[in-house]
């Protein structure tokens, strides 16, 4: 009985199912979709606020994975991570299409903000600060919003994020640091603007 169970486990591995699909047994993609679909949907839900849109992005991701399965390279990443890479780019395309980007003119001098000052403000969990934090994040470009979501909400390792977004680890470290400072400055500006109107 143990040999049968072991054989069943091996047969149902991602690698074997992928090979079956590529060999023409397209129905074998269903077990792959069932196995990883929930993970993809949870991942997308952190990036797309609308439940209906998140469901559409998830379905588009699985369809794209099925159509491009021949491009999957198990040497570079697991099937799950490859799916998340597709989900990231699908969600990003949706956000770019639907959102109106609001660019803030605050790039000059951002690098001069000390990290400790940024940390103190961003670690403030009062309701007022959290509301301002959400406003600040909403003003970021979709690419940056998704990067923050991957790192802070999904809790993925930087190396895995680098593969998903097709960037280097060093670039992401630098970008995340810059984004924290940008959010910090946006919150300060929002607070100042609010105080002027009161």
N, C-alpha and C. Protein backbone atom coordinates (compact mmCIF):
# COMPACT_ATOMS: atom_id res chain seq x y z
N UNK A 1 0.82 -1.20 0.00
CA UNK A 1 0.00 0.00 0.00
C UNK A 1 0.85 1.26 0.00
N UNK A 2 1.96 1.24 0.73
CA UNK A 2 2.82 2.41 0.82
C UNK A 2 3.39 2.77 -0.54
N UNK A 3 3.77 1.74 -1.32
CA UNK A 3 4.33 2.00 -2.64
C UNK A 3 3.30 2.69 -3.53
N UNK A 4 2.03 2.25 -3.40
CA UNK A 4 0.97 2.87 -4.19
C UNK A 4 0.80 4.33 -3.81
N UNK A 5 0.80 4.62 -2.50
CA UNK A 5 0.64 5.99 -2.03
C UNK A 5 1.80 6.85 -2.51
N UNK A 6 3.03 6.30 -2.40
CA UNK A 6 4.20 7.05 -2.85
C UNK A 6 4.11 7.33 -4.34
N UNK A 7 3.68 6.31 -5.09
CA UNK A 7 3.58 6.47 -6.54
C UNK A 7 2.55 7.54 -6.88
N UNK A 8 1.44 7.55 -6.13
CA UNK A 8 0.39 8.52 -6.38
C UNK A 8 0.93 9.93 -6.11
N UNK A 9 1.70 10.08 -5.04
CA UNK A 9 2.26 11.39 -4.69
C UNK A 9 3.20 11.89 -5.78
N UNK A 10 4.04 11.00 -6.27
CA UNK A 10 4.99 11.38 -7.31
C UNK A 10 4.25 11.76 -8.60
N UNK A 11 3.23 10.95 -8.93
CA UNK A 11 2.46 11.20 -10.16
C UNK A 11 1.79 12.57 -10.11
N UNK A 12 1.36 12.97 -8.92
CA UNK A 12 0.64 14.22 -8.79
C UNK A 12 1.55 15.43 -8.53
N UNK A 13 2.86 15.25 -8.61
CA UNK A 13 3.75 16.38 -8.40
C UNK A 13 3.59 17.40 -9.51
N UNK A 14 3.94 18.65 -9.23
CA UNK A 14 3.83 19.71 -10.24
C UNK A 14 4.59 19.34 -11.51
N UNK A 15 5.78 18.83 -11.32
CA UNK A 15 6.64 18.52 -12.48
C UNK A 15 5.99 17.51 -13.41
N UNK A 16 5.41 16.46 -12.83
CA UNK A 16 4.78 15.43 -13.66
C UNK A 16 3.52 15.95 -14.33
N UNK A 17 2.73 16.73 -13.59
CA UNK A 17 1.52 17.30 -14.17
C UNK A 17 1.85 18.25 -15.32
N UNK A 18 2.89 19.05 -15.13
CA UNK A 18 3.32 19.98 -16.19
C UNK A 18 3.74 19.21 -17.43
N UNK A 19 4.51 18.14 -17.21
CA UNK A 19 4.95 17.31 -18.34
C UNK A 19 3.75 16.71 -19.07
N UNK A 20 2.76 16.25 -18.29
CA UNK A 20 1.55 15.69 -18.90
C UNK A 20 0.85 16.72 -19.78
N UNK A 21 0.71 17.94 -19.26
CA UNK A 21 0.03 19.00 -20.03
C UNK A 21 0.79 19.27 -21.32
N UNK A 22 2.11 19.39 -21.20
CA UNK A 22 2.93 19.67 -22.37
C UNK A 22 2.91 18.52 -23.38
N UNK A 23 2.62 17.31 -22.87
CA UNK A 23 2.51 16.14 -23.75
C UNK A 23 1.13 16.01 -24.38
N UNK A 24 0.26 16.98 -24.11
CA UNK A 24 -1.05 16.97 -24.73
C UNK A 24 -2.21 16.62 -23.83
N UNK A 25 -1.93 16.23 -22.59
CA UNK A 25 -3.00 15.90 -21.64
C UNK A 25 -3.43 17.19 -20.93
N UNK A 26 -4.12 18.05 -21.66
CA UNK A 26 -4.44 19.39 -21.15
C UNK A 26 -5.31 19.36 -19.91
N UNK A 27 -6.07 18.27 -19.73
CA UNK A 27 -6.93 18.19 -18.55
C UNK A 27 -6.12 18.14 -17.25
N UNK A 28 -4.84 17.82 -17.37
CA UNK A 28 -3.97 17.75 -16.18
C UNK A 28 -3.60 19.13 -15.64
N UNK A 29 -4.01 20.18 -16.36
CA UNK A 29 -3.76 21.52 -15.81
C UNK A 29 -4.74 21.84 -14.68
N UNK A 30 -5.91 21.17 -14.70
CA UNK A 30 -6.90 21.43 -13.66
C UNK A 30 -6.36 21.14 -12.25
N UNK A 31 -5.69 20.00 -12.02
CA UNK A 31 -5.11 19.78 -10.69
C UNK A 31 -4.09 20.86 -10.29
N UNK A 32 -3.33 21.35 -11.27
CA UNK A 32 -2.37 22.42 -10.99
C UNK A 32 -3.10 23.70 -10.58
N UNK A 33 -4.16 24.02 -11.31
CA UNK A 33 -4.94 25.22 -10.99
C UNK A 33 -5.60 25.09 -9.63
N UNK A 34 -6.12 23.90 -9.33
CA UNK A 34 -6.76 23.68 -8.03
C UNK A 34 -5.75 23.79 -6.89
N UNK A 35 -4.55 23.30 -7.14
CA UNK A 35 -3.51 23.28 -6.11
C UNK A 35 -3.00 24.69 -5.79
N UNK A 36 -2.84 25.52 -6.81
CA UNK A 36 -2.20 26.82 -6.61
C UNK A 36 -3.14 28.01 -6.77
N UNK A 37 -4.37 27.77 -7.19
CA UNK A 37 -5.30 28.86 -7.44
C UNK A 37 -5.57 29.73 -6.23
N UNK A 38 -5.76 29.10 -5.07
CA UNK A 38 -6.06 29.86 -3.85
C UNK A 38 -4.89 30.75 -3.45
N UNK A 39 -3.68 30.22 -3.60
CA UNK A 39 -2.48 31.00 -3.29
C UNK A 39 -2.39 32.22 -4.20
N UNK A 40 -2.66 32.02 -5.48
CA UNK A 40 -2.61 33.12 -6.44
C UNK A 40 -3.68 34.16 -6.10
N UNK A 41 -4.88 33.70 -5.78
CA UNK A 41 -5.96 34.63 -5.48
C UNK A 41 -5.66 35.44 -4.22
N UNK A 42 -5.11 34.81 -3.21
CA UNK A 42 -4.74 35.52 -1.99
C UNK A 42 -3.65 36.56 -2.28
N UNK A 43 -2.71 36.17 -3.12
CA UNK A 43 -1.62 37.06 -3.52
C UNK A 43 -2.17 38.28 -4.26
N UNK A 44 -3.08 38.03 -5.18
CA UNK A 44 -3.67 39.11 -5.99
C UNK A 44 -4.53 40.02 -5.12
N UNK A 45 -5.24 39.45 -4.14
CA UNK A 45 -6.14 40.23 -3.29
C UNK A 45 -5.40 41.31 -2.51
N UNK A 46 -4.11 41.10 -2.25
CA UNK A 46 -3.32 42.12 -1.56
C UNK A 46 -3.00 43.29 -2.49
N UNK A 47 -3.15 43.09 -3.78
CA UNK A 47 -2.78 44.12 -4.75
C UNK A 47 -3.99 44.78 -5.40
N UNK A 48 -5.09 44.03 -5.53
CA UNK A 48 -6.30 44.53 -6.18
C UNK A 48 -7.40 44.60 -5.13
N UNK A 49 -7.90 45.79 -4.85
CA UNK A 49 -8.86 45.96 -3.76
C UNK A 49 -10.23 45.37 -4.08
N UNK A 50 -10.65 45.45 -5.33
CA UNK A 50 -11.95 44.92 -5.71
C UNK A 50 -11.91 43.40 -5.79
N UNK A 51 -12.82 42.74 -5.07
CA UNK A 51 -12.86 41.27 -5.07
C UNK A 51 -13.16 40.73 -6.46
N UNK A 52 -14.03 41.43 -7.18
CA UNK A 52 -14.38 40.99 -8.54
C UNK A 52 -13.18 41.11 -9.47
N UNK A 53 -12.46 42.22 -9.37
CA UNK A 53 -11.27 42.41 -10.21
C UNK A 53 -10.18 41.40 -9.84
N UNK A 54 -10.03 41.14 -8.54
CA UNK A 54 -9.02 40.18 -8.09
C UNK A 54 -9.31 38.79 -8.64
N UNK A 55 -10.59 38.44 -8.69
CA UNK A 55 -10.99 37.13 -9.25
C UNK A 55 -10.66 37.08 -10.74
N UNK A 56 -10.93 38.18 -11.45
CA UNK A 56 -10.63 38.22 -12.88
C UNK A 56 -9.13 38.12 -13.13
N UNK A 57 -8.34 38.82 -12.33
CA UNK A 57 -6.88 38.77 -12.47
C UNK A 57 -6.38 37.35 -12.20
N UNK A 58 -6.96 36.70 -11.21
CA UNK A 58 -6.57 35.32 -10.89
C UNK A 58 -6.86 34.39 -12.07
N UNK A 59 -8.06 34.52 -12.64
CA UNK A 59 -8.42 33.68 -13.78
C UNK A 59 -7.55 33.98 -14.99
N UNK A 60 -7.26 35.27 -15.21
CA UNK A 60 -6.38 35.65 -16.32
C UNK A 60 -4.97 35.08 -16.12
N UNK A 61 -4.53 35.06 -14.85
CA UNK A 61 -3.21 34.52 -14.52
C UNK A 61 -3.13 33.03 -14.86
N UNK A 62 -4.15 32.28 -14.44
CA UNK A 62 -4.16 30.84 -14.69
C UNK A 62 -4.27 30.54 -16.19
N UNK A 63 -5.05 31.34 -16.89
CA UNK A 63 -5.17 31.15 -18.34
C UNK A 63 -3.85 31.44 -19.03
N UNK A 64 -3.19 32.50 -18.61
CA UNK A 64 -1.89 32.85 -19.19
C UNK A 64 -0.86 31.76 -18.89
N UNK A 65 -0.90 31.22 -17.67
CA UNK A 65 0.02 30.15 -17.29
C UNK A 65 -0.20 28.92 -18.17
N UNK A 66 -1.46 28.59 -18.41
CA UNK A 66 -1.78 27.44 -19.27
C UNK A 66 -1.25 27.66 -20.69
N UNK A 67 -1.46 28.86 -21.22
CA UNK A 67 -1.06 29.16 -22.60
C UNK A 67 0.46 29.26 -22.75
N UNK A 68 1.15 29.59 -21.67
CA UNK A 68 2.60 29.79 -21.74
C UNK A 68 3.38 28.76 -20.93
N UNK A 69 2.75 27.63 -20.67
CA UNK A 69 3.38 26.62 -19.82
C UNK A 69 4.71 26.13 -20.41
N UNK A 70 4.82 26.16 -21.73
CA UNK A 70 6.06 25.71 -22.38
C UNK A 70 7.25 26.62 -22.03
N UNK A 71 6.96 27.81 -21.51
CA UNK A 71 8.02 28.75 -21.15
C UNK A 71 8.51 28.58 -19.71
N UNK A 72 7.79 27.77 -18.94
CA UNK A 72 8.17 27.57 -17.54
C UNK A 72 9.52 26.88 -17.45
N UNK A 73 10.40 27.45 -16.61
CA UNK A 73 11.75 26.90 -16.40
C UNK A 73 11.91 26.58 -14.93
N UNK A 74 11.82 25.29 -14.61
CA UNK A 74 11.94 24.85 -13.22
C UNK A 74 13.30 25.10 -12.60
N UNK A 75 14.29 25.41 -13.43
CA UNK A 75 15.63 25.71 -12.90
C UNK A 75 15.68 27.10 -12.28
N UNK A 76 14.80 27.97 -12.74
CA UNK A 76 14.82 29.36 -12.26
C UNK A 76 13.91 29.60 -11.07
N UNK A 77 12.81 28.89 -11.01
CA UNK A 77 11.84 29.11 -9.93
C UNK A 77 10.88 27.94 -9.84
N UNK A 78 10.19 27.86 -8.71
CA UNK A 78 9.15 26.84 -8.57
C UNK A 78 7.94 27.25 -9.41
N UNK A 79 7.06 26.31 -9.66
CA UNK A 79 5.86 26.62 -10.44
C UNK A 79 5.03 27.68 -9.73
N UNK A 80 4.95 27.60 -8.40
CA UNK A 80 4.19 28.59 -7.62
C UNK A 80 4.74 29.99 -7.82
N UNK A 81 6.06 30.14 -7.72
CA UNK A 81 6.67 31.45 -7.89
C UNK A 81 6.49 31.96 -9.31
N UNK A 82 6.57 31.06 -10.27
CA UNK A 82 6.34 31.44 -11.67
C UNK A 82 4.92 31.96 -11.85
N UNK A 83 3.95 31.32 -11.20
CA UNK A 83 2.57 31.78 -11.26
C UNK A 83 2.44 33.17 -10.64
N UNK A 84 3.12 33.40 -9.53
CA UNK A 84 3.04 34.70 -8.87
C UNK A 84 3.67 35.79 -9.74
N UNK A 85 4.69 35.43 -10.48
CA UNK A 85 5.30 36.38 -11.42
C UNK A 85 4.27 36.80 -12.47
N UNK A 86 3.53 35.83 -13.02
CA UNK A 86 2.48 36.13 -14.00
C UNK A 86 1.39 36.98 -13.35
N UNK A 87 1.01 36.61 -12.11
CA UNK A 87 -0.04 37.35 -11.40
C UNK A 87 0.37 38.80 -11.17
N UNK A 88 1.63 39.01 -10.82
CA UNK A 88 2.13 40.36 -10.58
C UNK A 88 1.99 41.22 -11.83
N UNK A 89 2.46 40.71 -12.96
CA UNK A 89 2.42 41.49 -14.19
C UNK A 89 0.98 41.67 -14.71
N UNK A 90 0.12 40.69 -14.46
CA UNK A 90 -1.28 40.82 -14.84
C UNK A 90 -1.97 41.88 -14.00
N UNK A 91 -1.71 41.87 -12.70
CA UNK A 91 -2.29 42.87 -11.80
C UNK A 91 -1.76 44.26 -12.13
N UNK A 92 -0.48 44.35 -12.41
CA UNK A 92 0.13 45.64 -12.74
C UNK A 92 -0.49 46.21 -14.01
N UNK A 93 -0.70 45.36 -15.00
CA UNK A 93 -1.33 45.81 -16.26
C UNK A 93 -2.73 46.35 -15.97
N UNK A 94 -3.46 45.66 -15.10
CA UNK A 94 -4.81 46.10 -14.74
C UNK A 94 -4.78 47.46 -14.04
N UNK A 95 -3.86 47.61 -13.09
CA UNK A 95 -3.77 48.87 -12.34
C UNK A 95 -3.35 50.02 -13.24
N UNK A 96 -2.41 49.76 -14.13
CA UNK A 96 -1.96 50.82 -15.03
C UNK A 96 -3.08 51.27 -15.96
N UNK A 97 -3.90 50.33 -16.34
CA UNK A 97 -5.00 50.63 -17.26
C UNK A 97 -6.09 51.43 -16.58
N UNK A 98 -6.37 51.11 -15.32
CA UNK A 98 -7.52 51.70 -14.65
C UNK A 98 -7.20 52.91 -13.78
N UNK A 99 -5.99 53.04 -13.36
CA UNK A 99 -5.69 54.12 -12.42
C UNK A 99 -5.14 55.35 -13.12
N UNK A 100 -5.40 56.49 -12.55
CA UNK A 100 -4.80 57.73 -13.01
C UNK A 100 -3.65 58.02 -12.07
N UNK A 101 -2.46 57.97 -12.61
CA UNK A 101 -1.27 58.14 -11.77
C UNK A 101 -1.15 59.59 -11.32
N UNK A 102 -0.95 59.74 -10.02
CA UNK A 102 -0.74 61.07 -9.47
C UNK A 102 0.70 61.18 -9.00
N UNK A 103 1.47 61.93 -9.72
CA UNK A 103 2.89 62.07 -9.41
C UNK A 103 3.10 63.23 -8.42
N UNK A 104 3.83 62.99 -7.40
CA UNK A 104 4.14 64.02 -6.42
C UNK A 104 5.49 64.64 -6.71
N UNK A 105 5.56 65.96 -6.58
CA UNK A 105 6.82 66.65 -6.85
C UNK A 105 7.61 66.80 -5.55
N UNK A 106 8.17 65.68 -5.10
CA UNK A 106 8.90 65.72 -3.84
C UNK A 106 10.19 64.90 -3.90
N UNK A 107 10.66 64.62 -5.12
CA UNK A 107 11.85 63.79 -5.27
C UNK A 107 13.10 64.48 -4.72
N UNK A 108 13.18 65.79 -4.86
CA UNK A 108 14.37 66.52 -4.44
C UNK A 108 14.47 66.50 -2.92
N UNK A 109 15.62 66.08 -2.44
CA UNK A 109 15.87 66.08 -1.00
C UNK A 109 15.40 64.86 -0.26
N UNK A 110 14.76 63.92 -0.95
CA UNK A 110 14.25 62.72 -0.28
C UNK A 110 15.37 61.91 0.36
N UNK A 111 16.52 61.86 -0.29
CA UNK A 111 17.61 61.03 0.22
C UNK A 111 18.20 61.58 1.51
N UNK A 112 17.84 62.83 1.86
CA UNK A 112 18.39 63.44 3.06
C UNK A 112 17.61 63.10 4.32
N UNK A 113 16.45 62.47 4.16
CA UNK A 113 15.66 62.12 5.34
C UNK A 113 16.34 60.99 6.11
N UNK A 114 16.60 61.16 7.39
CA UNK A 114 17.23 60.07 8.16
C UNK A 114 16.27 58.90 8.34
N UNK A 115 16.80 57.69 8.29
CA UNK A 115 15.97 56.48 8.41
C UNK A 115 15.21 56.44 9.72
N UNK A 116 15.85 56.88 10.80
CA UNK A 116 15.21 56.79 12.12
C UNK A 116 13.95 57.65 12.18
N UNK A 117 13.99 58.82 11.51
CA UNK A 117 12.82 59.69 11.46
C UNK A 117 11.69 59.03 10.69
N UNK A 118 12.04 58.42 9.56
CA UNK A 118 11.05 57.71 8.74
C UNK A 118 10.43 56.56 9.53
N UNK A 119 11.27 55.78 10.21
CA UNK A 119 10.79 54.62 10.97
C UNK A 119 9.83 55.04 12.07
N UNK A 120 10.14 56.11 12.77
CA UNK A 120 9.30 56.57 13.88
C UNK A 120 7.91 56.94 13.38
N UNK A 121 7.85 57.61 12.24
CA UNK A 121 6.55 58.03 11.71
C UNK A 121 5.77 56.83 11.19
N UNK A 122 6.43 55.96 10.43
CA UNK A 122 5.72 54.83 9.82
C UNK A 122 5.31 53.77 10.84
N UNK A 123 5.95 53.76 12.00
CA UNK A 123 5.60 52.81 13.05
C UNK A 123 4.48 53.32 13.95
N UNK A 124 4.03 54.55 13.70
CA UNK A 124 2.92 55.14 14.45
C UNK A 124 1.62 54.50 13.96
N UNK A 125 0.96 53.75 14.85
CA UNK A 125 -0.23 52.99 14.43
C UNK A 125 -1.54 53.63 14.90
N UNK A 126 -1.53 54.91 15.21
CA UNK A 126 -2.78 55.57 15.56
C UNK A 126 -3.68 55.60 14.33
N UNK A 127 -5.00 55.66 14.56
CA UNK A 127 -5.96 55.62 13.44
C UNK A 127 -5.71 56.76 12.46
N UNK A 128 -5.39 57.94 12.98
CA UNK A 128 -5.16 59.10 12.11
C UNK A 128 -3.95 58.87 11.21
N UNK A 129 -2.87 58.34 11.79
CA UNK A 129 -1.66 58.09 10.99
C UNK A 129 -1.87 56.97 9.98
N UNK A 130 -2.62 55.94 10.38
CA UNK A 130 -2.88 54.85 9.46
C UNK A 130 -3.72 55.32 8.27
N UNK A 131 -4.64 56.23 8.52
CA UNK A 131 -5.45 56.79 7.43
C UNK A 131 -4.58 57.59 6.47
N UNK A 132 -3.65 58.36 7.04
CA UNK A 132 -2.72 59.14 6.22
C UNK A 132 -1.78 58.22 5.44
N UNK A 133 -1.38 57.12 6.08
CA UNK A 133 -0.51 56.15 5.41
C UNK A 133 -1.20 55.57 4.18
N UNK A 134 -2.49 55.23 4.33
CA UNK A 134 -3.24 54.69 3.19
C UNK A 134 -3.34 55.73 2.06
N UNK A 135 -3.56 56.98 2.43
CA UNK A 135 -3.62 58.04 1.42
C UNK A 135 -2.29 58.18 0.69
N UNK A 136 -1.20 58.10 1.46
CA UNK A 136 0.14 58.25 0.87
C UNK A 136 0.44 57.11 -0.10
N UNK A 137 0.08 55.90 0.29
CA UNK A 137 0.32 54.74 -0.58
C UNK A 137 -0.53 54.83 -1.84
N UNK A 138 -1.77 55.33 -1.70
CA UNK A 138 -2.65 55.47 -2.86
C UNK A 138 -2.08 56.42 -3.90
N UNK A 139 -1.21 57.33 -3.48
CA UNK A 139 -0.64 58.31 -4.40
C UNK A 139 0.60 57.78 -5.13
N UNK A 140 1.03 56.59 -4.79
CA UNK A 140 2.18 56.00 -5.46
C UNK A 140 1.79 55.42 -6.81
N UNK A 141 2.76 55.26 -7.69
CA UNK A 141 2.52 54.60 -8.96
C UNK A 141 2.18 53.12 -8.70
N UNK A 142 1.40 52.49 -9.59
CA UNK A 142 1.01 51.09 -9.39
C UNK A 142 2.20 50.16 -9.14
N UNK A 143 3.30 50.37 -9.85
CA UNK A 143 4.48 49.51 -9.68
C UNK A 143 4.95 49.54 -8.23
N UNK A 144 4.99 50.75 -7.66
CA UNK A 144 5.49 50.90 -6.29
C UNK A 144 4.49 50.36 -5.27
N UNK A 145 3.20 50.54 -5.55
CA UNK A 145 2.19 49.98 -4.65
C UNK A 145 2.31 48.46 -4.58
N UNK A 146 2.52 47.84 -5.74
CA UNK A 146 2.63 46.39 -5.78
C UNK A 146 3.90 45.90 -5.10
N UNK A 147 4.98 46.65 -5.24
CA UNK A 147 6.23 46.28 -4.57
C UNK A 147 6.04 46.29 -3.06
N UNK A 148 5.40 47.33 -2.54
CA UNK A 148 5.14 47.40 -1.10
C UNK A 148 4.24 46.25 -0.65
N UNK A 149 3.25 45.92 -1.49
CA UNK A 149 2.34 44.82 -1.16
C UNK A 149 3.08 43.49 -1.09
N UNK A 150 3.94 43.25 -2.06
CA UNK A 150 4.71 42.00 -2.09
C UNK A 150 5.58 41.87 -0.85
N UNK A 151 6.20 42.97 -0.46
CA UNK A 151 7.19 42.91 0.62
C UNK A 151 6.53 42.91 2.00
N UNK A 152 5.57 43.81 2.20
CA UNK A 152 5.00 43.97 3.54
C UNK A 152 3.76 43.12 3.78
N UNK A 153 2.87 43.00 2.79
CA UNK A 153 1.64 42.25 3.00
C UNK A 153 1.81 40.76 2.71
N UNK A 154 2.46 40.45 1.60
CA UNK A 154 2.66 39.04 1.26
C UNK A 154 3.85 38.44 2.00
N UNK A 155 4.78 39.30 2.47
CA UNK A 155 5.91 38.82 3.25
C UNK A 155 6.86 37.92 2.47
N UNK A 156 6.98 38.16 1.18
CA UNK A 156 7.86 37.32 0.36
C UNK A 156 9.32 37.71 0.55
N UNK A 157 10.24 36.76 0.44
CA UNK A 157 11.67 37.08 0.50
C UNK A 157 12.06 37.98 -0.65
N UNK A 158 13.05 38.84 -0.42
CA UNK A 158 13.47 39.80 -1.44
C UNK A 158 13.91 39.09 -2.72
N UNK A 159 14.57 37.94 -2.58
CA UNK A 159 15.05 37.21 -3.76
C UNK A 159 13.88 36.73 -4.61
N UNK A 160 12.81 36.29 -3.96
CA UNK A 160 11.63 35.82 -4.70
C UNK A 160 10.92 37.00 -5.37
N UNK A 161 10.84 38.12 -4.66
CA UNK A 161 10.23 39.32 -5.24
C UNK A 161 11.02 39.76 -6.47
N UNK A 162 12.36 39.68 -6.37
CA UNK A 162 13.22 40.09 -7.48
C UNK A 162 12.89 39.29 -8.74
N UNK A 163 12.63 37.99 -8.57
CA UNK A 163 12.26 37.16 -9.72
C UNK A 163 10.89 37.56 -10.25
N UNK A 164 9.95 37.78 -9.35
CA UNK A 164 8.57 38.09 -9.74
C UNK A 164 8.50 39.39 -10.53
N UNK A 165 9.21 40.42 -10.05
CA UNK A 165 9.13 41.74 -10.70
C UNK A 165 10.25 41.97 -11.70
N UNK A 166 11.13 40.99 -11.84
CA UNK A 166 12.22 41.06 -12.82
C UNK A 166 13.18 42.22 -12.53
N UNK A 167 13.61 42.31 -11.27
CA UNK A 167 14.59 43.32 -10.83
C UNK A 167 15.66 42.64 -9.99
N UNK A 168 16.73 43.38 -9.69
CA UNK A 168 17.79 42.83 -8.85
C UNK A 168 17.47 43.08 -7.38
N UNK A 169 18.07 42.27 -6.50
CA UNK A 169 17.90 42.45 -5.06
C UNK A 169 18.32 43.85 -4.63
N UNK A 170 19.46 44.30 -5.14
CA UNK A 170 20.00 45.59 -4.72
C UNK A 170 19.08 46.74 -5.14
N UNK A 171 18.50 46.62 -6.34
CA UNK A 171 17.56 47.65 -6.78
C UNK A 171 16.36 47.71 -5.85
N UNK A 172 15.83 46.55 -5.47
CA UNK A 172 14.64 46.50 -4.63
C UNK A 172 14.92 47.08 -3.24
N UNK A 173 16.09 46.77 -2.68
CA UNK A 173 16.45 47.33 -1.37
C UNK A 173 16.46 48.85 -1.43
N UNK A 174 17.09 49.37 -2.47
CA UNK A 174 17.17 50.81 -2.65
C UNK A 174 15.79 51.43 -2.88
N UNK A 175 14.98 50.76 -3.70
CA UNK A 175 13.66 51.28 -4.00
C UNK A 175 12.75 51.29 -2.77
N UNK A 176 12.81 50.22 -1.99
CA UNK A 176 11.99 50.15 -0.78
C UNK A 176 12.37 51.24 0.21
N UNK A 177 13.65 51.48 0.35
CA UNK A 177 14.12 52.53 1.25
C UNK A 177 13.62 53.89 0.77
N UNK A 178 13.71 54.12 -0.53
CA UNK A 178 13.27 55.39 -1.11
C UNK A 178 11.76 55.57 -0.94
N UNK A 179 11.01 54.48 -1.13
CA UNK A 179 9.56 54.55 -1.00
C UNK A 179 9.14 54.88 0.44
N UNK A 180 9.83 54.31 1.40
CA UNK A 180 9.53 54.62 2.80
C UNK A 180 9.70 56.11 3.06
N UNK A 181 10.76 56.68 2.50
CA UNK A 181 11.00 58.11 2.69
C UNK A 181 9.96 58.95 1.95
N UNK A 182 9.56 58.48 0.78
CA UNK A 182 8.56 59.21 0.00
C UNK A 182 7.23 59.21 0.74
N UNK A 183 6.85 58.05 1.29
CA UNK A 183 5.61 57.96 2.06
C UNK A 183 5.68 58.87 3.28
N UNK A 184 6.82 58.85 3.94
CA UNK A 184 7.03 59.72 5.10
C UNK A 184 6.78 61.17 4.74
N UNK A 185 7.37 61.62 3.63
CA UNK A 185 7.23 63.01 3.23
C UNK A 185 5.79 63.33 2.82
N UNK A 186 5.12 62.38 2.17
CA UNK A 186 3.73 62.59 1.78
C UNK A 186 2.84 62.75 3.00
N UNK A 187 3.05 61.94 4.03
CA UNK A 187 2.27 62.03 5.27
C UNK A 187 2.47 63.39 5.92
N UNK A 188 3.71 63.85 5.96
CA UNK A 188 3.99 65.17 6.54
C UNK A 188 3.25 66.25 5.76
N UNK A 189 3.29 66.16 4.43
CA UNK A 189 2.59 67.14 3.60
C UNK A 189 1.08 67.11 3.83
N UNK A 190 0.53 65.90 3.93
CA UNK A 190 -0.90 65.76 4.17
C UNK A 190 -1.29 66.34 5.53
N UNK A 191 -0.45 66.12 6.53
CA UNK A 191 -0.72 66.66 7.85
C UNK A 191 -0.66 68.19 7.83
N UNK A 192 0.33 68.71 7.15
CA UNK A 192 0.47 70.16 7.06
C UNK A 192 -0.72 70.80 6.33
N UNK A 193 -1.13 70.17 5.23
CA UNK A 193 -2.26 70.68 4.46
C UNK A 193 -3.53 70.63 5.30
N UNK A 194 -3.66 69.55 6.08
CA UNK A 194 -4.84 69.41 6.94
C UNK A 194 -4.89 70.46 8.02
N UNK A 195 -3.72 70.79 8.59
CA UNK A 195 -3.66 71.78 9.65
C UNK A 195 -3.98 73.18 9.13
N UNK A 196 -3.68 73.42 7.84
CA UNK A 196 -3.96 74.74 7.27
C UNK A 196 -5.45 74.95 7.07
N UNK A 197 -6.17 73.82 6.85
CA UNK A 197 -7.60 73.94 6.58
C UNK A 197 -8.43 73.93 7.85
N UNK A 198 -7.79 73.71 8.99
CA UNK A 198 -8.54 73.66 10.26
C UNK A 198 -8.43 74.94 11.02
